[in-house]
Amino acid sequence: MGIGSGIALFVIGAILAFAVNVDLGGFVNLSLIGYILMIAGVVVFLLSLVFVMRRRSTVSTSRTAVDPVNGEQVTTRRTTDNGEPLV
């Protein structure tokens, strides 16, 4: 589920909570289902934002040195995600 799914859940929940006035005989309360869907939509939206921001925080380090044996330049590149080395 992504950001769009969270927004969709919130909108469907708002429609059920505020726009639908149907009495189903006491078995189902559409307003309560609407509020539950709105809360679930907010949670999904926030979790998706956290995961998207976490994926984007990468750091790349590049070092160039001269090999003492044959005099060639050696470039070492390391990419880390959130401060931890990638395997």
PDB file of N, CA and C in Angstrom:
ATOM      1  N   MET A   1       0.848  -1.169   0.000  1.00  0.00           N
ATOM      2  CA  MET A   1       0.000   0.000   0.000  1.00  0.00           C
ATOM      3  C   MET A   1       0.894   1.233   0.000  1.00  0.00           C
ATOM      4  N   GLY A   2       0.459   2.232  -0.696  1.00  0.00           N
ATOM      5  CA  GLY A   2       1.268   3.421  -0.806  1.00  0.00           C
ATOM      6  C   GLY A   2       0.532   4.664  -0.363  1.00  0.00           C
ATOM      7  N   ILE A   3       1.085   5.772  -0.768  1.00  0.00           N
ATOM      8  CA  ILE A   3       0.507   7.063  -0.404  1.00  0.00           C
ATOM      9  C   ILE A   3      -0.894   7.199  -0.996  1.00  0.00           C
ATOM     10  N   GLY A   4      -1.049   6.767  -2.240  1.00  0.00           N
ATOM     11  CA  GLY A   4      -2.358   6.845  -2.893  1.00  0.00           C
ATOM     12  C   GLY A   4      -3.407   5.989  -2.217  1.00  0.00           C
ATOM     13  N   SER A   5      -2.991   4.820  -1.729  1.00  0.00           N
ATOM     14  CA  SER A   5      -3.932   3.946  -1.016  1.00  0.00           C
ATOM     15  C   SER A   5      -4.411   4.590   0.275  1.00  0.00           C
ATOM     16  N   GLY A   6      -3.505   5.250   0.979  1.00  0.00           N
ATOM     17  CA  GLY A   6      -3.890   5.940   2.209  1.00  0.00           C
ATOM     18  C   GLY A   6      -4.876   7.057   1.953  1.00  0.00           C
ATOM     19  N   ILE A   7      -4.627   7.810   0.881  1.00  0.00           N
ATOM     20  CA  ILE A   7      -5.545   8.895   0.531  1.00  0.00           C
ATOM     21  C   ILE A   7      -6.905   8.328   0.129  1.00  0.00           C
ATOM     22  N   ALA A   8      -6.896   7.231  -0.651  1.00  0.00           N
ATOM     23  CA  ALA A   8      -8.157   6.617  -1.080  1.00  0.00           C
ATOM     24  C   ALA A   8      -8.954   6.106   0.113  1.00  0.00           C
ATOM     25  N   LEU A   9      -8.295   5.459   1.061  1.00  0.00           N
ATOM     26  CA  LEU A   9      -8.998   4.980   2.260  1.00  0.00           C
ATOM     27  C   LEU A   9      -9.606   6.145   3.032  1.00  0.00           C
ATOM     28  N   PHE A  10      -8.847   7.231   3.148  1.00  0.00           N
ATOM     29  CA  PHE A  10      -9.352   8.386   3.880  1.00  0.00           C
ATOM     30  C   PHE A  10     -10.575   8.977   3.186  1.00  0.00           C
ATOM     31  N   VAL A  11     -10.531   9.101   1.865  1.00  0.00           N
ATOM     32  CA  VAL A  11     -11.654   9.693   1.126  1.00  0.00           C
ATOM     33  C   VAL A  11     -12.896   8.804   1.213  1.00  0.00           C
ATOM     34  N   ILE A  12     -12.710   7.487   1.036  1.00  0.00           N
ATOM     35  CA  ILE A  12     -13.853   6.568   1.145  1.00  0.00           C
ATOM     36  C   ILE A  12     -14.447   6.620   2.552  1.00  0.00           C
ATOM     37  N   GLY A  13     -13.583   6.679   3.561  1.00  0.00           N
ATOM     38  CA  GLY A  13     -14.069   6.792   4.931  1.00  0.00           C
ATOM     39  C   GLY A  13     -14.817   8.083   5.187  1.00  0.00           C
ATOM     40  N   ALA A  14     -14.322   9.194   4.620  1.00  0.00           N
ATOM     41  CA  ALA A  14     -15.012  10.473   4.794  1.00  0.00           C
ATOM     42  C   ALA A  14     -16.372  10.459   4.115  1.00  0.00           C
ATOM     43  N   ILE A  15     -16.457   9.827   2.957  1.00  0.00           N
ATOM     44  CA  ILE A  15     -17.752   9.728   2.279  1.00  0.00           C
ATOM     45  C   ILE A  15     -18.723   8.912   3.118  1.00  0.00           C
ATOM     46  N   LEU A  16     -18.263   7.797   3.649  1.00  0.00           N
ATOM     47  CA  LEU A  16     -19.152   6.967   4.484  1.00  0.00           C
ATOM     48  C   LEU A  16     -19.543   7.674   5.777  1.00  0.00           C
ATOM     49  N   ALA A  17     -18.615   8.426   6.361  1.00  0.00           N
ATOM     50  CA  ALA A  17     -18.893   9.059   7.648  1.00  0.00           C
ATOM     51  C   ALA A  17     -19.783  10.287   7.524  1.00  0.00           C
ATOM     52  N   PHE A  18     -19.609  11.061   6.451  1.00  0.00           N
ATOM     53  CA  PHE A  18     -20.282  12.347   6.390  1.00  0.00           C
ATOM     54  C   PHE A  18     -21.357  12.467   5.317  1.00  0.00           C
ATOM     55  N   ALA A  19     -21.293  11.671   4.265  1.00  0.00           N
ATOM     56  CA  ALA A  19     -22.207  11.889   3.139  1.00  0.00           C
ATOM     57  C   ALA A  19     -23.292  10.830   3.011  1.00  0.00           C
ATOM     58  N   VAL A  20     -23.112   9.682   3.607  1.00  0.00           N
ATOM     59  CA  VAL A  20     -24.090   8.598   3.448  1.00  0.00           C
ATOM     60  C   VAL A  20     -24.984   8.571   4.677  1.00  0.00           C
ATOM     61  N   ASN A  21     -26.276   8.672   4.456  1.00  0.00           N
ATOM     62  CA  ASN A  21     -27.257   8.608   5.540  1.00  0.00           C
ATOM     63  C   ASN A  21     -28.221   7.454   5.266  1.00  0.00           C
ATOM     64  N   VAL A  22     -27.740   6.244   5.473  1.00  0.00           N
ATOM     65  CA  VAL A  22     -28.547   5.056   5.228  1.00  0.00           C
ATOM     66  C   VAL A  22     -28.624   4.272   6.533  1.00  0.00           C
ATOM     67  N   ASP A  23     -29.842   3.870   6.910  1.00  0.00           N
ATOM     68  CA  ASP A  23     -30.030   3.061   8.106  1.00  0.00           C
ATOM     69  C   ASP A  23     -30.167   1.601   7.683  1.00  0.00           C
ATOM     70  N   LEU A  24     -29.240   0.769   8.126  1.00  0.00           N
ATOM     71  CA  LEU A  24     -29.236  -0.641   7.750  1.00  0.00           C
ATOM     72  C   LEU A  24     -29.809  -1.524   8.847  1.00  0.00           C
ATOM     73  N   GLY A  25     -30.622  -1.000   9.686  1.00  0.00           N
ATOM     74  CA  GLY A  25     -31.311  -1.783  10.697  1.00  0.00           C
ATOM     75  C   GLY A  25     -30.488  -2.078  11.937  1.00  0.00           C
ATOM     76  N   GLY A  26     -29.476  -1.317  12.204  1.00  0.00           N
ATOM     77  CA  GLY A  26     -28.723  -1.498  13.428  1.00  0.00           C
ATOM     78  C   GLY A  26     -27.597  -2.508  13.348  1.00  0.00           C
ATOM     79  N   PHE A  27     -27.488  -3.240  12.265  1.00  0.00           N
ATOM     80  CA  PHE A  27     -26.424  -4.229  12.157  1.00  0.00           C
ATOM     81  C   PHE A  27     -25.084  -3.586  11.808  1.00  0.00           C
ATOM     82  N   VAL A  28     -25.135  -2.581  10.950  1.00  0.00           N
ATOM     83  CA  VAL A  28     -23.912  -1.939  10.483  1.00  0.00           C
ATOM     84  C   VAL A  28     -24.047  -0.435  10.663  1.00  0.00           C
ATOM     85  N   ASN A  29     -23.081   0.166  11.311  1.00  0.00           N
ATOM     86  CA  ASN A  29     -23.056   1.608  11.473  1.00  0.00           C
ATOM     87  C   ASN A  29     -22.046   2.167  10.466  1.00  0.00           C
ATOM     88  N   LEU A  30     -22.526   2.737   9.363  1.00  0.00           N
ATOM     89  CA  LEU A  30     -21.650   3.213   8.307  1.00  0.00           C
ATOM     90  C   LEU A  30     -20.777   4.384   8.755  1.00  0.00           C
ATOM     91  N   SER A  31     -21.257   5.174   9.680  1.00  0.00           N
ATOM     92  CA  SER A  31     -20.435   6.275  10.187  1.00  0.00           C
ATOM     93  C   SER A  31     -19.208   5.744  10.919  1.00  0.00           C
ATOM     94  N   LEU A  32     -19.389   4.713  11.726  1.00  0.00           N
ATOM     95  CA  LEU A  32     -18.264   4.126  12.449  1.00  0.00           C
ATOM     96  C   LEU A  32     -17.272   3.489  11.481  1.00  0.00           C
ATOM     97  N   ILE A  33     -17.760   2.806  10.472  1.00  0.00           N
ATOM     98  CA  ILE A  33     -16.877   2.218   9.461  1.00  0.00           C
ATOM     99  C   ILE A  33     -16.125   3.322   8.728  1.00  0.00           C
ATOM    100  N   GLY A  34     -16.797   4.426   8.462  1.00  0.00           N
ATOM    101  CA  GLY A  34     -16.140   5.563   7.819  1.00  0.00           C
ATOM    102  C   GLY A  34     -15.016   6.131   8.658  1.00  0.00           C
ATOM    103  N   TYR A  35     -15.255   6.292   9.963  1.00  0.00           N
ATOM    104  CA  TYR A  35     -14.204   6.799  10.843  1.00  0.00           C
ATOM    105  C   TYR A  35     -13.036   5.826  10.926  1.00  0.00           C
ATOM    106  N   ILE A  36     -13.311   4.533  10.975  1.00  0.00           N
ATOM    107  CA  ILE A  36     -12.244   3.525  11.012  1.00  0.00           C
ATOM    108  C   ILE A  36     -11.419   3.579   9.728  1.00  0.00           C
ATOM    109  N   LEU A  37     -12.079   3.717   8.585  1.00  0.00           N
ATOM    110  CA  LEU A  37     -11.353   3.815   7.317  1.00  0.00           C
ATOM    111  C   LEU A  37     -10.529   5.098   7.245  1.00  0.00           C
ATOM    112  N   MET A  38     -11.033   6.188   7.793  1.00  0.00           N
ATOM    113  CA  MET A  38     -10.268   7.434   7.807  1.00  0.00           C
ATOM    114  C   MET A  38      -9.002   7.289   8.645  1.00  0.00           C
ATOM    115  N   ILE A  39      -9.118   6.661   9.815  1.00  0.00           N
ATOM    116  CA  ILE A  39      -7.946   6.447  10.668  1.00  0.00           C
ATOM    117  C   ILE A  39      -6.948   5.522   9.974  1.00  0.00           C
ATOM    118  N   ALA A  40      -7.451   4.455   9.352  1.00  0.00           N
ATOM    119  CA  ALA A  40      -6.561   3.536   8.634  1.00  0.00           C
ATOM    120  C   ALA A  40      -5.871   4.256   7.477  1.00  0.00           C
ATOM    121  N   GLY A  41      -6.584   5.136   6.795  1.00  0.00           N
ATOM    122  CA  GLY A  41      -5.984   5.892   5.702  1.00  0.00           C
ATOM    123  C   GLY A  41      -4.859   6.797   6.166  1.00  0.00           C
ATOM    124  N   VAL A  42      -5.055   7.453   7.299  1.00  0.00           N
ATOM    125  CA  VAL A  42      -4.008   8.322   7.844  1.00  0.00           C
ATOM    126  C   VAL A  42      -2.786   7.490   8.237  1.00  0.00           C
ATOM    127  N   VAL A  43      -3.010   6.335   8.874  1.00  0.00           N
ATOM    128  CA  VAL A  43      -1.894   5.476   9.283  1.00  0.00           C
ATOM    129  C   VAL A  43      -1.114   4.976   8.069  1.00  0.00           C
ATOM    130  N   VAL A  44      -1.821   4.507   7.043  1.00  0.00           N
ATOM    131  CA  VAL A  44      -1.158   4.024   5.829  1.00  0.00           C
ATOM    132  C   VAL A  44      -0.388   5.157   5.159  1.00  0.00           C
ATOM    133  N   PHE A  45      -0.971   6.337   5.091  1.00  0.00           N
ATOM    134  CA  PHE A  45      -0.309   7.488   4.486  1.00  0.00           C
ATOM    135  C   PHE A  45       0.980   7.839   5.221  1.00  0.00           C
ATOM    136  N   LEU A  46       0.919   7.901   6.552  1.00  0.00           N
ATOM    137  CA  LEU A  46       2.106   8.257   7.336  1.00  0.00           C
ATOM    138  C   LEU A  46       3.189   7.187   7.239  1.00  0.00           C
ATOM    139  N   LEU A  47       2.800   5.915   7.289  1.00  0.00           N
ATOM    140  CA  LEU A  47       3.791   4.845   7.150  1.00  0.00           C
ATOM    141  C   LEU A  47       4.448   4.875   5.777  1.00  0.00           C
ATOM    142  N   SER A  48       3.683   5.149   4.754  1.00  0.00           N
ATOM    143  CA  SER A  48       4.241   5.234   3.406  1.00  0.00           C
ATOM    144  C   SER A  48       5.231   6.384   3.306  1.00  0.00           C
ATOM    145  N   LEU A  49       4.903   7.517   3.912  1.00  0.00           N
ATOM    146  CA  LEU A  49       5.836   8.645   3.903  1.00  0.00           C
ATOM    147  C   LEU A  49       7.130   8.303   4.621  1.00  0.00           C
ATOM    148  N   VAL A  50       7.032   7.607   5.743  1.00  0.00           N
ATOM    149  CA  VAL A  50       8.234   7.219   6.492  1.00  0.00           C
ATOM    150  C   VAL A  50       9.107   6.306   5.646  1.00  0.00           C
ATOM    151  N   PHE A  51       8.514   5.321   4.976  1.00  0.00           N
ATOM    152  CA  PHE A  51       9.294   4.398   4.168  1.00  0.00           C
ATOM    153  C   PHE A  51       9.891   5.081   2.939  1.00  0.00           C
ATOM    154  N   VAL A  52       9.180   6.011   2.334  1.00  0.00           N
ATOM    155  CA  VAL A  52       9.716   6.725   1.183  1.00  0.00           C
ATOM    156  C   VAL A  52      10.895   7.602   1.605  1.00  0.00           C
ATOM    157  N   MET A  53      10.774   8.297   2.707  1.00  0.00           N
ATOM    158  CA  MET A  53      11.864   9.142   3.168  1.00  0.00           C
ATOM    159  C   MET A  53      13.064   8.314   3.600  1.00  0.00           C
ATOM    160  N   ARG A  54      12.821   7.140   4.141  1.00  0.00           N
ATOM    161  CA  ARG A  54      13.913   6.269   4.583  1.00  0.00           C
ATOM    162  C   ARG A  54      14.690   5.719   3.391  1.00  0.00           C
ATOM    163  N   ARG A  55      13.997   5.401   2.308  1.00  0.00           N
ATOM    164  CA  ARG A  55      14.659   4.883   1.119  1.00  0.00           C
ATOM    165  C   ARG A  55      15.521   5.923   0.437  1.00  0.00           C
ATOM    166  N   ARG A  56      15.170   7.183   0.557  1.00  0.00           N
ATOM    167  CA  ARG A  56      15.880   8.238  -0.152  1.00  0.00           C
ATOM    168  C   ARG A  56      17.144   8.704   0.555  1.00  0.00           C
ATOM    169  N   SER A  57      17.383   8.297   1.771  1.00  0.00           N
ATOM    170  CA  SER A  57      18.544   8.792   2.505  1.00  0.00           C
ATOM    171  C   SER A  57      19.748   7.880   2.280  1.00  0.00           C
ATOM    172  N   THR A  58      20.401   8.023   1.140  1.00  0.00           N
ATOM    173  CA  THR A  58      21.591   7.245   0.832  1.00  0.00           C
ATOM    174  C   THR A  58      22.789   8.178   0.756  1.00  0.00           C
ATOM    175  N   VAL A  59      23.941   7.652   1.117  1.00  0.00           N
ATOM    176  CA  VAL A  59      25.183   8.410   1.093  1.00  0.00           C
ATOM    177  C   VAL A  59      26.182   7.620   0.264  1.00  0.00           C
ATOM    178  N   SER A  60      26.857   8.287  -0.645  1.00  0.00           N
ATOM    179  CA  SER A  60      27.851   7.642  -1.487  1.00  0.00           C
ATOM    180  C   SER A  60      29.198   8.302  -1.247  1.00  0.00           C
ATOM    181  N   THR A  61      30.221   7.484  -0.990  1.00  0.00           N
ATOM    182  CA  THR A  61      31.565   7.989  -0.733  1.00  0.00           C
ATOM    183  C   THR A  61      32.499   7.435  -1.800  1.00  0.00           C
ATOM    184  N   SER A  62      33.311   8.293  -2.376  1.00  0.00           N
ATOM    185  CA  SER A  62      34.262   7.881  -3.404  1.00  0.00           C
ATOM    186  C   SER A  62      35.647   8.366  -3.010  1.00  0.00           C
ATOM    187  N   ARG A  63      36.642   7.453  -3.042  1.00  0.00           N
ATOM    188  CA  ARG A  63      38.016   7.808  -2.701  1.00  0.00           C
ATOM    189  C   ARG A  63      38.934   7.361  -3.834  1.00  0.00           C
ATOM    190  N   THR A  64      39.875   8.208  -4.161  1.00  0.00           N
ATOM    191  CA  THR A  64      40.853   7.889  -5.195  1.00  0.00           C
ATOM    192  C   THR A  64      42.238   7.896  -4.562  1.00  0.00           C
ATOM    193  N   ALA A  65      42.981   6.836  -4.822  1.00  0.00           N
ATOM    194  CA  ALA A  65      44.338   6.713  -4.282  1.00  0.00           C
ATOM    195  C   ALA A  65      45.245   6.141  -5.367  1.00  0.00           C
ATOM    196  N   VAL A  66      46.539   6.227  -5.153  1.00  0.00           N
ATOM    197  CA  VAL A  66      47.518   5.681  -6.089  1.00  0.00           C
ATOM    198  C   VAL A  66      48.026   4.363  -5.532  1.00  0.00           C
ATOM    199  N   ASP A  67      47.962   3.317  -6.368  1.00  0.00           N
ATOM    200  CA  ASP A  67      48.450   1.997  -5.970  1.00  0.00           C
ATOM    201  C   ASP A  67      49.975   2.040  -5.886  1.00  0.00           C
ATOM    202  N   PRO A  68      50.569   1.705  -4.722  1.00  0.00           N
ATOM    203  CA  PRO A  68      52.025   1.823  -4.576  1.00  0.00           C
ATOM    204  C   PRO A  68      52.803   0.800  -5.409  1.00  0.00           C
ATOM    205  N   VAL A  69      52.174  -0.310  -5.810  1.00  0.00           N
ATOM    206  CA  VAL A  69      52.889  -1.355  -6.535  1.00  0.00           C
ATOM    207  C   VAL A  69      53.131  -0.950  -7.990  1.00  0.00           C
ATOM    208  N   ASN A  70      52.076  -0.553  -8.706  1.00  0.00           N
ATOM    209  CA  ASN A  70      52.231  -0.253 -10.123  1.00  0.00           C
ATOM    210  C   ASN A  70      51.941   1.214 -10.470  1.00  0.00           C
ATOM    211  N   GLY A  71      51.592   2.041  -9.534  1.00  0.00           N
ATOM    212  CA  GLY A  71      51.401   3.462  -9.769  1.00  0.00           C
ATOM    213  C   GLY A  71      50.075   3.839 -10.400  1.00  0.00           C
ATOM    214  N   GLU A  72      49.133   2.920 -10.506  1.00  0.00           N
ATOM    215  CA  GLU A  72      47.830   3.217 -11.093  1.00  0.00           C
ATOM    216  C   GLU A  72      46.903   3.851 -10.059  1.00  0.00           C
ATOM    217  N   GLN A  73      45.957   4.657 -10.566  1.00  0.00           N
ATOM    218  CA  GLN A  73      44.965   5.239  -9.673  1.00  0.00           C
ATOM    219  C   GLN A  73      43.867   4.219  -9.391  1.00  0.00           C
ATOM    220  N   VAL A  74      43.515   4.086  -8.129  1.00  0.00           N
ATOM    221  CA  VAL A  74      42.476   3.149  -7.703  1.00  0.00           C
ATOM    222  C   VAL A  74      41.353   3.960  -7.077  1.00  0.00           C
ATOM    223  N   THR A  75      40.125   3.741  -7.572  1.00  0.00           N
ATOM    224  CA  THR A  75      38.956   4.428  -7.030  1.00  0.00           C
ATOM    225  C   THR A  75      38.112   3.432  -6.253  1.00  0.00           C
ATOM    226  N   THR A  76      37.831   3.752  -4.995  1.00  0.00           N
ATOM    227  CA  THR A  76      37.003   2.909  -4.136  1.00  0.00           C
ATOM    228  C   THR A  76      35.699   3.641  -3.887  1.00  0.00           C
ATOM    229  N   ARG A  77      34.581   2.961  -4.149  1.00  0.00           N
ATOM    230  CA  ARG A  77      33.259   3.560  -3.929  1.00  0.00           C
ATOM    231  C   ARG A  77      32.486   2.707  -2.936  1.00  0.00           C
ATOM    232  N   ARG A  78      31.932   3.361  -1.953  1.00  0.00           N
ATOM    233  CA  ARG A  78      31.089   2.694  -0.962  1.00  0.00           C
ATOM    234  C   ARG A  78      29.781   3.454  -0.863  1.00  0.00           C
ATOM    235  N   THR A  79      28.700   2.716  -0.886  1.00  0.00           N
ATOM    236  CA  THR A  79      27.385   3.315  -0.751  1.00  0.00           C
ATOM    237  C   THR A  79      26.761   2.833   0.548  1.00  0.00           C
ATOM    238  N   THR A  80      26.285   3.772   1.337  1.00  0.00           N
ATOM    239  CA  THR A  80      25.650   3.409   2.602  1.00  0.00           C
ATOM    240  C   THR A  80      24.218   3.916   2.608  1.00  0.00           C
ATOM    241  N   ASP A  81      23.379   3.225   3.342  1.00  0.00           N
ATOM    242  CA  ASP A  81      21.976   3.595   3.486  1.00  0.00           C
ATOM    243  C   ASP A  81      21.726   3.788   4.977  1.00  0.00           C
ATOM    244  N   ASN A  82      21.417   5.023   5.360  1.00  0.00           N
ATOM    245  CA  ASN A  82      21.144   5.363   6.768  1.00  0.00           C
ATOM    246  C   ASN A  82      22.335   5.086   7.661  1.00  0.00           C
ATOM    247  N   GLY A  83      23.543   5.276   7.159  1.00  0.00           N
ATOM    248  CA  GLY A  83      24.731   5.118   7.968  1.00  0.00           C
ATOM    249  C   GLY A  83      25.240   3.702   8.096  1.00  0.00           C
ATOM    250  N   GLU A  84      24.565   2.731   7.498  1.00  0.00           N
ATOM    251  CA  GLU A  84      25.005   1.345   7.589  1.00  0.00           C
ATOM    252  C   GLU A  84      25.522   0.893   6.240  1.00  0.00           C
ATOM    253  N   PRO A  85      26.644   0.146   6.204  1.00  0.00           N
ATOM    254  CA  PRO A  85      27.171  -0.314   4.922  1.00  0.00           C
ATOM    255  C   PRO A  85      26.234  -1.318   4.265  1.00  0.00           C
ATOM    256  N   LEU A  86      26.100  -1.180   2.959  1.00  0.00           N
ATOM    257  CA  LEU A  86      25.284  -2.138   2.197  1.00  0.00           C
ATOM    258  C   LEU A  86      26.137  -3.347   1.872  1.00  0.00           C
ATOM    259  N   VAL A  87      25.548  -4.515   1.959  1.00  0.00           N
ATOM    260  CA  VAL A  87      26.289  -5.752   1.684  1.00  0.00           C
ATOM    261  C   VAL A  87      26.055  -6.166   0.265  1.00  0.00           C
TER     262      VAL A  87
END
